């Protein structure tokens, strides 16, 4: 199933970067704000996989609640 590429604002990019502790969502390696890709934190391919997207969202909310 094809998905539409999403464009993020600078603020949305910063929030995602900050929430994940400046680390890759997938493998936790350090990333920097200027070179990061937003789909590197939450992969866009998950738009075609609703169950995995919901799981990623739940994990992100749990992380925020702990912070």
PDB file of N, CA and C in Angstrom:
ATOM      1  N   UNK A   1       0.848  -1.181   0.000  1.00  0.00           N
ATOM      2  CA  UNK A   1       0.000   0.000   0.000  1.00  0.00           C
ATOM      3  C   UNK A   1       0.894   1.245   0.000  1.00  0.00           C
ATOM      4  N   UNK A   2       0.727   2.131  -0.977  1.00  0.00           N
ATOM      5  CA  UNK A   2       1.548   3.341  -0.994  1.00  0.00           C
ATOM      6  C   UNK A   2       1.141   4.306   0.113  1.00  0.00           C
ATOM      7  N   UNK A   3       2.058   5.115   0.512  1.00  0.00           N
ATOM      8  CA  UNK A   3       1.774   6.108   1.545  1.00  0.00           C
ATOM      9  C   UNK A   3       2.255   7.469   1.078  1.00  0.00           C
ATOM     10  N   UNK A   4       1.698   8.501   1.661  1.00  0.00           N
ATOM     11  CA  UNK A   4       2.047   9.873   1.295  1.00  0.00           C
ATOM     12  C   UNK A   4       3.163  10.361   2.205  1.00  0.00           C
ATOM     13  N   UNK A   5       4.219  10.878   1.626  1.00  0.00           N
ATOM     14  CA  UNK A   5       5.325  11.417   2.413  1.00  0.00           C
ATOM     15  C   UNK A   5       4.843  12.656   3.167  1.00  0.00           C
ATOM     16  N   UNK A   6       5.145  12.718   4.435  1.00  0.00           N
ATOM     17  CA  UNK A   6       4.697  13.804   5.300  1.00  0.00           C
ATOM     18  C   UNK A   6       5.806  14.835   5.444  1.00  0.00           C
ATOM     19  N   UNK A   7       5.452  16.101   5.379  1.00  0.00           N
ATOM     20  CA  UNK A   7       6.411  17.188   5.619  1.00  0.00           C
ATOM     21  C   UNK A   7       6.202  17.684   7.047  1.00  0.00           C
ATOM     22  N   UNK A   8       7.302  17.813   7.785  1.00  0.00           N
ATOM     23  CA  UNK A   8       7.245  18.258   9.167  1.00  0.00           C
ATOM     24  C   UNK A   8       7.815  19.661   9.302  1.00  0.00           C
ATOM     25  N   UNK A   9       7.242  20.436  10.222  1.00  0.00           N
ATOM     26  CA  UNK A   9       7.772  21.770  10.507  1.00  0.00           C
ATOM     27  C   UNK A   9       9.037  21.622  11.344  1.00  0.00           C
ATOM     28  N   UNK A  10       9.780  22.711  11.467  1.00  0.00           N
ATOM     29  CA  UNK A  10      10.996  22.697  12.293  1.00  0.00           C
ATOM     30  C   UNK A  10      10.647  22.356  13.741  1.00  0.00           C
ATOM     31  N   UNK A  11       9.543  22.864  14.238  1.00  0.00           N
ATOM     32  CA  UNK A  11       9.136  22.584  15.627  1.00  0.00           C
ATOM     33  C   UNK A  11       8.792  21.113  15.790  1.00  0.00           C
ATOM     34  N   UNK A  12       8.058  20.535  14.834  1.00  0.00           N
ATOM     35  CA  UNK A  12       7.722  19.109  14.917  1.00  0.00           C
ATOM     36  C   UNK A  12       8.985  18.250  14.888  1.00  0.00           C
ATOM     37  N   UNK A  13       9.947  18.633  14.059  1.00  0.00           N
ATOM     38  CA  UNK A  13      11.217  17.883  14.015  1.00  0.00           C
ATOM     39  C   UNK A  13      11.934  17.976  15.356  1.00  0.00           C
ATOM     40  N   UNK A  14      11.974  19.175  15.941  1.00  0.00           N
ATOM     41  CA  UNK A  14      12.659  19.356  17.223  1.00  0.00           C
ATOM     42  C   UNK A  14      11.978  18.540  18.321  1.00  0.00           C
ATOM     43  N   UNK A  15      10.645  18.518  18.335  1.00  0.00           N
ATOM     44  CA  UNK A  15       9.916  17.748  19.350  1.00  0.00           C
ATOM     45  C   UNK A  15      10.264  16.261  19.236  1.00  0.00           C
ATOM     46  N   UNK A  16      10.207  15.726  18.032  1.00  0.00           N
ATOM     47  CA  UNK A  16      10.551  14.315  17.850  1.00  0.00           C
ATOM     48  C   UNK A  16      11.982  14.017  18.264  1.00  0.00           C
ATOM     49  N   UNK A  17      12.878  14.907  17.906  1.00  0.00           N
ATOM     50  CA  UNK A  17      14.292  14.777  18.261  1.00  0.00           C
ATOM     51  C   UNK A  17      14.458  14.778  19.780  1.00  0.00           C
ATOM     52  N   UNK A  18      13.796  15.707  20.452  1.00  0.00           N
ATOM     53  CA  UNK A  18      13.919  15.848  21.906  1.00  0.00           C
ATOM     54  C   UNK A  18      13.273  14.690  22.656  1.00  0.00           C
ATOM     55  N   UNK A  19      12.079  14.315  22.230  1.00  0.00           N
ATOM     56  CA  UNK A  19      11.338  13.250  22.917  1.00  0.00           C
ATOM     57  C   UNK A  19      12.129  11.940  22.920  1.00  0.00           C
ATOM     58  N   UNK A  20      12.827  11.675  21.849  1.00  0.00           N
ATOM     59  CA  UNK A  20      13.565  10.408  21.754  1.00  0.00           C
ATOM     60  C   UNK A  20      15.003  10.516  22.239  1.00  0.00           C
ATOM     61  N   UNK A  21      15.301  11.587  22.967  1.00  0.00           N
ATOM     62  CA  UNK A  21      16.614  11.697  23.593  1.00  0.00           C
ATOM     63  C   UNK A  21      17.770  11.808  22.615  1.00  0.00           C
ATOM     64  N   UNK A  22      17.512  12.386  21.442  1.00  0.00           N
ATOM     65  CA  UNK A  22      18.552  12.582  20.433  1.00  0.00           C
ATOM     66  C   UNK A  22      19.129  11.252  19.944  1.00  0.00           C
ATOM     67  N   UNK A  23      18.274  10.225  19.959  1.00  0.00           N
ATOM     68  CA  UNK A  23      18.696   8.892  19.517  1.00  0.00           C
ATOM     69  C   UNK A  23      17.711   8.350  18.501  1.00  0.00           C
ATOM     70  N   UNK A  24      18.203   7.469  17.660  1.00  0.00           N
ATOM     71  CA  UNK A  24      17.383   6.801  16.671  1.00  0.00           C
ATOM     72  C   UNK A  24      16.316   5.952  17.361  1.00  0.00           C
ATOM     73  N   UNK A  25      15.093   6.039  16.901  1.00  0.00           N
ATOM     74  CA  UNK A  25      13.984   5.240  17.448  1.00  0.00           C
ATOM     75  C   UNK A  25      14.218   3.755  17.220  1.00  0.00           C
ATOM     76  N   UNK A  26      14.814   3.426  16.103  1.00  0.00           N
ATOM     77  CA  UNK A  26      14.956   2.026  15.726  1.00  0.00           C
ATOM     78  C   UNK A  26      16.109   1.335  16.445  1.00  0.00           C
ATOM     79  N   UNK A  27      17.295   1.935  16.430  1.00  0.00           N
ATOM     80  CA  UNK A  27      18.443   1.229  17.010  1.00  0.00           C
ATOM     81  C   UNK A  27      19.197   2.022  18.081  1.00  0.00           C
ATOM     82  N   UNK A  28      18.658   3.174  18.476  1.00  0.00           N
ATOM     83  CA  UNK A  28      19.194   3.991  19.583  1.00  0.00           C
ATOM     84  C   UNK A  28      20.561   4.610  19.338  1.00  0.00           C
ATOM     85  N   UNK A  29      21.051   4.629  18.096  1.00  0.00           N
ATOM     86  CA  UNK A  29      22.341   5.298  17.874  1.00  0.00           C
ATOM     87  C   UNK A  29      22.121   6.813  17.930  1.00  0.00           C
ATOM     88  N   UNK A  30      23.129   7.576  18.344  1.00  0.00           N
ATOM     89  CA  UNK A  30      22.988   9.036  18.443  1.00  0.00           C
ATOM     90  C   UNK A  30      22.727   9.670  17.069  1.00  0.00           C
ATOM     91  N   UNK A  31      21.853  10.671  17.051  1.00  0.00           N
ATOM     92  CA  UNK A  31      21.574  11.421  15.831  1.00  0.00           C
ATOM     93  C   UNK A  31      21.676  12.909  16.131  1.00  0.00           C
ATOM     94  N   UNK A  32      21.802  13.724  15.067  1.00  0.00           N
ATOM     95  CA  UNK A  32      21.811  15.172  15.286  1.00  0.00           C
ATOM     96  C   UNK A  32      20.631  15.787  14.535  1.00  0.00           C
ATOM     97  N   UNK A  33      20.151  16.905  15.046  1.00  0.00           N
ATOM     98  CA  UNK A  33      18.941  17.534  14.526  1.00  0.00           C
ATOM     99  C   UNK A  33      19.065  17.954  13.060  1.00  0.00           C
ATOM    100  N   UNK A  34      20.218  18.463  12.662  1.00  0.00           N
ATOM    101  CA  UNK A  34      20.352  18.973  11.300  1.00  0.00           C
ATOM    102  C   UNK A  34      20.353  17.883  10.239  1.00  0.00           C
ATOM    103  N   UNK A  35      20.896  16.726  10.540  1.00  0.00           N
ATOM    104  CA  UNK A  35      20.976  15.684   9.519  1.00  0.00           C
ATOM    105  C   UNK A  35      19.941  14.573   9.686  1.00  0.00           C
ATOM    106  N   UNK A  36      19.183  14.603  10.776  1.00  0.00           N
ATOM    107  CA  UNK A  36      18.215  13.522  10.997  1.00  0.00           C
ATOM    108  C   UNK A  36      17.066  13.591   9.988  1.00  0.00           C
ATOM    109  N   UNK A  37      16.487  12.438   9.749  1.00  0.00           N
ATOM    110  CA  UNK A  37      15.278  12.338   8.937  1.00  0.00           C
ATOM    111  C   UNK A  37      14.169  11.957   9.893  1.00  0.00           C
ATOM    112  N   UNK A  38      13.048  12.639   9.805  1.00  0.00           N
ATOM    113  CA  UNK A  38      11.964  12.363  10.747  1.00  0.00           C
ATOM    114  C   UNK A  38      11.515  10.916  10.632  1.00  0.00           C
ATOM    115  N   UNK A  39      11.495  10.365   9.431  1.00  0.00           N
ATOM    116  CA  UNK A  39      11.087   8.967   9.317  1.00  0.00           C
ATOM    117  C   UNK A  39      12.128   8.029   9.900  1.00  0.00           C
ATOM    118  N   UNK A  40      13.269   8.554  10.319  1.00  0.00           N
ATOM    119  CA  UNK A  40      14.257   7.735  11.004  1.00  0.00           C
ATOM    120  C   UNK A  40      13.833   7.505  12.450  1.00  0.00           C
ATOM    121  N   UNK A  41      13.008   8.396  12.983  1.00  0.00           N
ATOM    122  CA  UNK A  41      12.523   8.244  14.350  1.00  0.00           C
ATOM    123  C   UNK A  41      11.266   7.379  14.359  1.00  0.00           C
ATOM    124  N   UNK A  42      10.306   7.711  13.549  1.00  0.00           N
ATOM    125  CA  UNK A  42       9.122   6.872  13.349  1.00  0.00           C
ATOM    126  C   UNK A  42       9.011   6.647  11.848  1.00  0.00           C
ATOM    127  N   UNK A  43       9.375   5.468  11.387  1.00  0.00           N
ATOM    128  CA  UNK A  43       9.429   5.204   9.954  1.00  0.00           C
ATOM    129  C   UNK A  43       8.084   5.431   9.255  1.00  0.00           C
ATOM    130  N   UNK A  44       8.118   6.115   8.110  1.00  0.00           N
ATOM    131  CA  UNK A  44       6.899   6.377   7.361  1.00  0.00           C
ATOM    132  C   UNK A  44       6.236   5.102   6.868  1.00  0.00           C
ATOM    133  N   UNK A  45       7.005   4.027   6.704  1.00  0.00           N
ATOM    134  CA  UNK A  45       6.387   2.796   6.226  1.00  0.00           C
ATOM    135  C   UNK A  45       5.337   2.285   7.206  1.00  0.00           C
ATOM    136  N   UNK A  46       5.397   2.752   8.462  1.00  0.00           N
ATOM    137  CA  UNK A  46       4.394   2.324   9.441  1.00  0.00           C
ATOM    138  C   UNK A  46       3.005   2.869   9.113  1.00  0.00           C
ATOM    139  N   UNK A  47       2.925   3.885   8.260  1.00  0.00           N
ATOM    140  CA  UNK A  47       1.615   4.383   7.842  1.00  0.00           C
ATOM    141  C   UNK A  47       0.814   3.285   7.147  1.00  0.00           C
ATOM    142  N   UNK A  48       1.509   2.344   6.538  1.00  0.00           N
ATOM    143  CA  UNK A  48       0.850   1.232   5.858  1.00  0.00           C
ATOM    144  C   UNK A  48       0.651   0.033   6.785  1.00  0.00           C
ATOM    145  N   UNK A  49       1.091   0.158   8.042  1.00  0.00           N
ATOM    146  CA  UNK A  49       0.983  -0.935   9.011  1.00  0.00           C
ATOM    147  C   UNK A  49       0.369  -0.390  10.308  1.00  0.00           C
ATOM    148  N   UNK A  50      -0.975  -0.206  10.339  1.00  0.00           N
ATOM    149  CA  UNK A  50      -1.638   0.463  11.456  1.00  0.00           C
ATOM    150  C   UNK A  50      -1.347  -0.139  12.839  1.00  0.00           C
ATOM    151  N   UNK A  51      -1.235  -1.449  12.926  1.00  0.00           N
ATOM    152  CA  UNK A  51      -0.978  -2.055  14.238  1.00  0.00           C
ATOM    153  C   UNK A  51       0.408  -1.680  14.756  1.00  0.00           C
ATOM    154  N   UNK A  52       1.398  -1.739  13.890  1.00  0.00           N
ATOM    155  CA  UNK A  52       2.758  -1.366  14.311  1.00  0.00           C
ATOM    156  C   UNK A  52       2.847   0.128  14.590  1.00  0.00           C
ATOM    157  N   UNK A  53       2.112   0.958  13.821  1.00  0.00           N
ATOM    158  CA  UNK A  53       2.087   2.392  14.068  1.00  0.00           C
ATOM    159  C   UNK A  53       1.477   2.690  15.432  1.00  0.00           C
ATOM    160  N   UNK A  54       0.379   2.003  15.768  1.00  0.00           N
ATOM    161  CA  UNK A  54      -0.255   2.186  17.075  1.00  0.00           C
ATOM    162  C   UNK A  54       0.699   1.796  18.198  1.00  0.00           C
ATOM    163  N   UNK A  55       1.445   0.711  17.997  1.00  0.00           N
ATOM    164  CA  UNK A  55       2.423   0.283  19.001  1.00  0.00           C
ATOM    165  C   UNK A  55       3.519   1.335  19.173  1.00  0.00           C
ATOM    166  N   UNK A  56       3.999   1.891  18.074  1.00  0.00           N
ATOM    167  CA  UNK A  56       5.033   2.930  18.148  1.00  0.00           C
ATOM    168  C   UNK A  56       4.494   4.152  18.877  1.00  0.00           C
ATOM    169  N   UNK A  57       3.240   4.539  18.587  1.00  0.00           N
ATOM    170  CA  UNK A  57       2.625   5.675  19.265  1.00  0.00           C
ATOM    171  C   UNK A  57       2.473   5.429  20.751  1.00  0.00           C
ATOM    172  N   UNK A  58       2.067   4.216  21.118  1.00  0.00           N
ATOM    173  CA  UNK A  58       1.913   3.878  22.534  1.00  0.00           C
ATOM    174  C   UNK A  58       3.252   3.928  23.256  1.00  0.00           C
ATOM    175  N   UNK A  59       4.306   3.432  22.592  1.00  0.00           N
ATOM    176  CA  UNK A  59       5.635   3.482  23.217  1.00  0.00           C
ATOM    177  C   UNK A  59       6.120   4.915  23.370  1.00  0.00           C
ATOM    178  N   UNK A  60       5.808   5.772  22.379  1.00  0.00           N
ATOM    179  CA  UNK A  60       6.211   7.172  22.476  1.00  0.00           C
ATOM    180  C   UNK A  60       5.474   7.846  23.620  1.00  0.00           C
ATOM    181  N   UNK A  61       4.179   7.606  23.774  1.00  0.00           N
ATOM    182  CA  UNK A  61       3.413   8.200  24.875  1.00  0.00           C
ATOM    183  C   UNK A  61       3.917   7.706  26.230  1.00  0.00           C
ATOM    184  N   UNK A  62       4.276   6.446  26.318  1.00  0.00           N
ATOM    185  CA  UNK A  62       4.817   5.905  27.570  1.00  0.00           C
ATOM    186  C   UNK A  62       6.139   6.581  27.902  1.00  0.00           C
ATOM    187  N   UNK A  63       6.963   6.799  26.893  1.00  0.00           N
ATOM    188  CA  UNK A  63       8.244   7.469  27.109  1.00  0.00           C
ATOM    189  C   UNK A  63       8.026   8.894  27.615  1.00  0.00           C
ATOM    190  N   UNK A  64       7.082   9.604  26.992  1.00  0.00           N
ATOM    191  CA  UNK A  64       6.777  10.979  27.405  1.00  0.00           C
ATOM    192  C   UNK A  64       6.268  10.997  28.844  1.00  0.00           C
ATOM    193  N   UNK A  65       5.412  10.048  29.205  1.00  0.00           N
ATOM    194  CA  UNK A  65       4.857  10.001  30.559  1.00  0.00           C
ATOM    195  C   UNK A  65       5.940   9.773  31.605  1.00  0.00           C
ATOM    196  N   UNK A  66       6.994   9.020  31.246  1.00  0.00           N
ATOM    197  CA  UNK A  66       8.093   8.766  32.181  1.00  0.00           C
ATOM    198  C   UNK A  66       8.986   9.975  32.365  1.00  0.00           C
ATOM    199  N   UNK A  67       9.015  10.857  31.370  1.00  0.00           N
ATOM    200  CA  UNK A  67       9.931  12.011  31.390  1.00  0.00           C
ATOM    201  C   UNK A  67       9.475  13.086  32.336  1.00  0.00           C
TER     202      UNK A  67
END
